[in-house]
Amino acid sequence: MKKALILILTTGMTIGSIYALIHYIGMQSFSFAWILNFLLMASVLTFTETLKSPLTSPYFDTKPWERKGEIYESFGINIYRKVLVLTGWEKLNKKANPIAKNISALTHLYYKTKQSELGHIIILFVVFSFNIFVAFQYGIVKSLWLFILNILLNLYPVLLQRYNRPRIARAISLSKF
């Protein structure tokens, strides 16, 4: 019952906040795109933390073509990782989720990559929907901030989680010996 109440309240507050955001800021600005992304991040984080799904879908399994990470490196994932370090995001993230050198910490980190990826995929599609609406309603130029921030704040984090997961899995398998 408590979970259901949290999920209902989160959904209601998110919808209300987005409505207020549209009403007071409009949908064509950088401010709207920035606030929308972080509002959705908070909401989706609340959802994923409340549900604590085991995330066992085959989607999360590493595909053979992903194992070495070359595809993600060709998309500039290493540059993105450096940007995260330069902006301080990596330090903030490590403070919230410290990495210990034991199997349970690695297993928890592995799960967190799945949880983070799921959250960013959900947000990616929601923001993409707003992006399409704004492009048709106000023009493509007015929707550019939504598009750019969606790539930087959602698509690249998904790619980063997919890039990191095989490495964490390898560390887990090595730790078992």
Protein backbone atom coordinates (compact mmCIF):
# COMPACT_ATOMS: atom_id res chain seq x y z
CA MET A 1 0.00 0.00 0.00
CA LYS A 2 2.84 2.35 0.89
CA LYS A 3 4.56 1.71 -2.46
CA ALA A 4 1.35 2.37 -4.37
CA LEU A 5 0.82 5.65 -2.51
CA ILE A 6 4.38 6.78 -3.22
CA LEU A 7 4.01 5.94 -6.91
CA ILE A 8 0.65 7.69 -7.21
CA LEU A 9 1.92 10.80 -5.41
CA THR A 10 5.09 10.86 -7.50
CA THR A 11 3.09 10.60 -10.73
CA GLY A 12 0.67 13.32 -9.64
CA MET A 13 3.44 15.65 -8.50
CA THR A 14 5.38 15.07 -11.71
CA ILE A 15 2.39 15.79 -13.93
CA GLY A 16 1.52 18.87 -11.88
CA SER A 17 5.11 20.11 -11.97
CA ILE A 18 5.36 19.62 -15.72
CA TYR A 19 2.08 21.49 -16.19
CA ALA A 20 3.37 24.38 -14.06
CA LEU A 21 6.67 24.31 -15.94
CA ILE A 22 4.87 24.57 -19.29
CA HIS A 23 2.53 27.26 -17.99
CA TYR A 24 5.15 29.51 -16.39
CA ILE A 25 8.24 28.94 -18.54
CA GLY A 26 6.93 27.65 -21.87
CA MET A 27 8.31 24.73 -23.84
CA GLN A 28 10.80 26.42 -26.15
CA SER A 29 13.63 27.45 -23.84
CA PHE A 30 16.82 25.98 -22.44
CA SER A 31 15.33 26.43 -18.95
CA PHE A 32 12.36 24.23 -19.80
CA ALA A 33 14.58 21.49 -21.27
CA TRP A 34 16.97 21.58 -18.31
CA ILE A 35 14.29 21.58 -15.61
CA LEU A 36 12.21 18.94 -17.41
CA ASN A 37 15.16 16.55 -17.56
CA PHE A 38 16.06 16.93 -13.89
CA LEU A 39 12.42 16.81 -12.79
CA LEU A 40 12.00 13.56 -14.69
CA MET A 41 15.27 12.22 -13.26
CA ALA A 42 13.99 12.82 -9.72
CA SER A 43 10.64 11.22 -10.52
CA VAL A 44 12.08 8.18 -12.26
CA LEU A 45 14.63 7.71 -9.48
CA THR A 46 11.79 7.70 -6.96
CA PHE A 47 9.96 5.11 -9.08
CA THR A 48 12.93 2.79 -9.52
CA GLU A 49 13.98 3.05 -5.88
CA THR A 50 10.43 2.38 -4.71
CA LEU A 51 9.80 -0.60 -6.99
CA LYS A 52 13.25 -2.22 -6.56
CA SER A 53 12.63 -4.43 -9.58
CA PRO A 54 15.26 -7.16 -10.05
CA LEU A 55 15.74 -6.00 -13.67
CA THR A 56 16.30 -9.48 -15.06
CA SER A 57 15.15 -8.73 -18.60
CA PRO A 58 17.41 -10.11 -21.36
CA TYR A 59 17.63 -6.51 -22.60
CA PHE A 60 20.15 -5.81 -19.83
CA ASP A 61 22.39 -8.71 -20.85
CA THR A 62 25.60 -7.70 -22.55
CA LYS A 63 25.54 -8.46 -26.25
CA PRO A 64 28.64 -10.00 -27.86
CA TRP A 65 29.27 -6.85 -29.93
CA GLU A 66 29.27 -4.73 -26.74
CA ARG A 67 31.85 -6.66 -24.72
CA LYS A 68 34.93 -4.77 -25.81
CA GLY A 69 33.15 -1.40 -25.86
CA GLU A 70 34.52 -0.35 -29.23
CA ILE A 71 31.11 0.72 -30.52
CA TYR A 72 30.64 3.04 -27.54
CA GLU A 73 34.17 4.37 -27.86
CA SER A 74 33.42 5.27 -31.47
CA PHE A 75 30.49 7.37 -30.18
CA GLY A 76 32.90 9.28 -27.91
CA ILE A 77 31.99 7.66 -24.60
CA ASN A 78 35.50 8.25 -23.23
CA ILE A 79 35.16 11.98 -23.94
CA TYR A 80 31.79 11.93 -22.17
CA ARG A 81 33.39 10.19 -19.19
CA LYS A 82 36.05 12.94 -19.04
CA VAL A 83 33.33 15.60 -19.16
CA LEU A 84 31.64 13.91 -16.19
CA VAL A 85 34.92 14.07 -14.26
CA LEU A 86 35.54 17.72 -15.23
CA THR A 87 32.04 18.81 -14.19
CA GLY A 88 32.35 17.04 -10.84
CA TRP A 89 29.50 14.64 -11.54
CA GLU A 90 31.73 11.58 -11.16
CA LYS A 91 32.97 12.76 -7.75
CA LEU A 92 29.40 13.47 -6.62
CA ASN A 93 28.26 10.07 -7.86
CA LYS A 94 31.10 8.23 -6.11
CA LYS A 95 30.27 10.04 -2.88
CA ALA A 96 26.66 8.85 -3.12
CA ASN A 97 27.65 5.33 -4.25
CA PRO A 98 31.15 4.52 -2.97
CA ILE A 99 32.88 1.65 -4.70
CA ALA A 100 34.43 -0.96 -2.45
CA LYS A 101 36.57 -3.81 -3.68
CA ASN A 102 34.32 -6.66 -2.66
CA ILE A 103 31.81 -8.85 -4.46
CA SER A 104 28.69 -7.39 -2.81
CA ALA A 105 29.69 -3.82 -3.71
CA LEU A 106 30.38 -4.83 -7.29
CA THR A 107 27.08 -6.69 -7.51
CA HIS A 108 25.28 -3.62 -6.16
CA LEU A 109 27.09 -1.42 -8.70
CA TYR A 110 26.10 -3.84 -11.47
CA TYR A 111 22.44 -3.55 -10.42
CA LYS A 112 22.74 0.26 -10.23
CA THR A 113 23.93 0.38 -13.85
CA LYS A 114 20.74 -1.42 -14.88
CA GLN A 115 18.60 0.84 -12.73
CA SER A 116 20.25 3.97 -14.08
CA GLU A 117 19.97 2.76 -17.66
CA LEU A 118 16.26 2.01 -17.25
CA GLY A 119 15.64 5.44 -15.77
CA HIS A 120 17.49 7.24 -18.54
CA ILE A 121 15.69 5.22 -21.23
CA ILE A 122 12.31 6.20 -19.78
CA ILE A 123 13.34 9.85 -19.62
CA LEU A 124 14.81 9.65 -23.13
CA PHE A 125 11.44 8.64 -24.56
CA VAL A 126 9.44 11.16 -22.52
CA VAL A 127 11.72 14.06 -23.48
CA PHE A 128 11.76 12.83 -27.09
CA SER A 129 7.96 13.03 -27.08
CA PHE A 130 8.13 16.63 -25.86
CA ASN A 131 10.82 17.27 -28.48
CA ILE A 132 8.57 16.07 -31.30
CA PHE A 133 5.62 18.11 -30.01
CA VAL A 134 7.69 21.29 -29.69
CA ALA A 135 9.24 20.76 -33.14
CA PHE A 136 5.80 20.48 -34.77
CA GLN A 137 4.17 23.20 -32.67
CA TYR A 138 6.93 25.83 -32.59
CA GLY A 139 9.52 24.70 -35.15
CA ILE A 140 12.66 22.62 -35.12
CA VAL A 141 14.89 25.46 -33.92
CA LYS A 142 12.76 25.93 -30.79
CA SER A 143 13.10 22.23 -29.99
CA LEU A 144 16.90 22.08 -30.26
CA TRP A 145 17.52 22.46 -26.51
CA LEU A 146 15.28 19.51 -25.80
CA PHE A 147 17.13 17.47 -28.41
CA ILE A 148 20.66 18.44 -27.31
CA LEU A 149 20.00 17.95 -23.61
CA ASN A 150 18.21 14.67 -24.27
CA ILE A 151 21.33 13.38 -26.03
CA LEU A 152 23.70 14.62 -23.31
CA LEU A 153 21.61 13.85 -20.23
CA ASN A 154 19.89 10.62 -21.31
CA LEU A 155 21.31 8.93 -24.41
CA TYR A 156 24.96 9.16 -23.36
CA PRO A 157 24.25 7.94 -19.82
CA VAL A 158 22.51 4.89 -21.34
CA LEU A 159 25.56 4.27 -23.54
CA LEU A 160 27.83 4.73 -20.53
CA GLN A 161 25.95 2.14 -18.48
CA ARG A 162 26.06 -0.31 -21.39
CA TYR A 163 29.80 0.39 -21.72
CA ASN A 164 30.50 -0.10 -17.99
CA ARG A 165 28.38 -3.17 -17.32
CA PRO A 166 30.64 -5.75 -19.07
CA ARG A 167 33.63 -4.39 -17.15
CA ILE A 168 31.83 -4.69 -13.85
CA ALA A 169 30.67 -8.21 -14.76
CA ARG A 170 34.27 -9.14 -15.52
CA ALA A 171 35.41 -7.72 -12.15
CA ILE A 172 32.65 -9.73 -10.41
CA SER A 173 33.69 -12.94 -12.14
CA LEU A 174 37.35 -12.33 -11.24
CA SER A 175 36.41 -11.59 -7.61
CA LYS A 176 34.73 -14.97 -7.25
CA PHE A 177 38.07 -16.75 -7.54
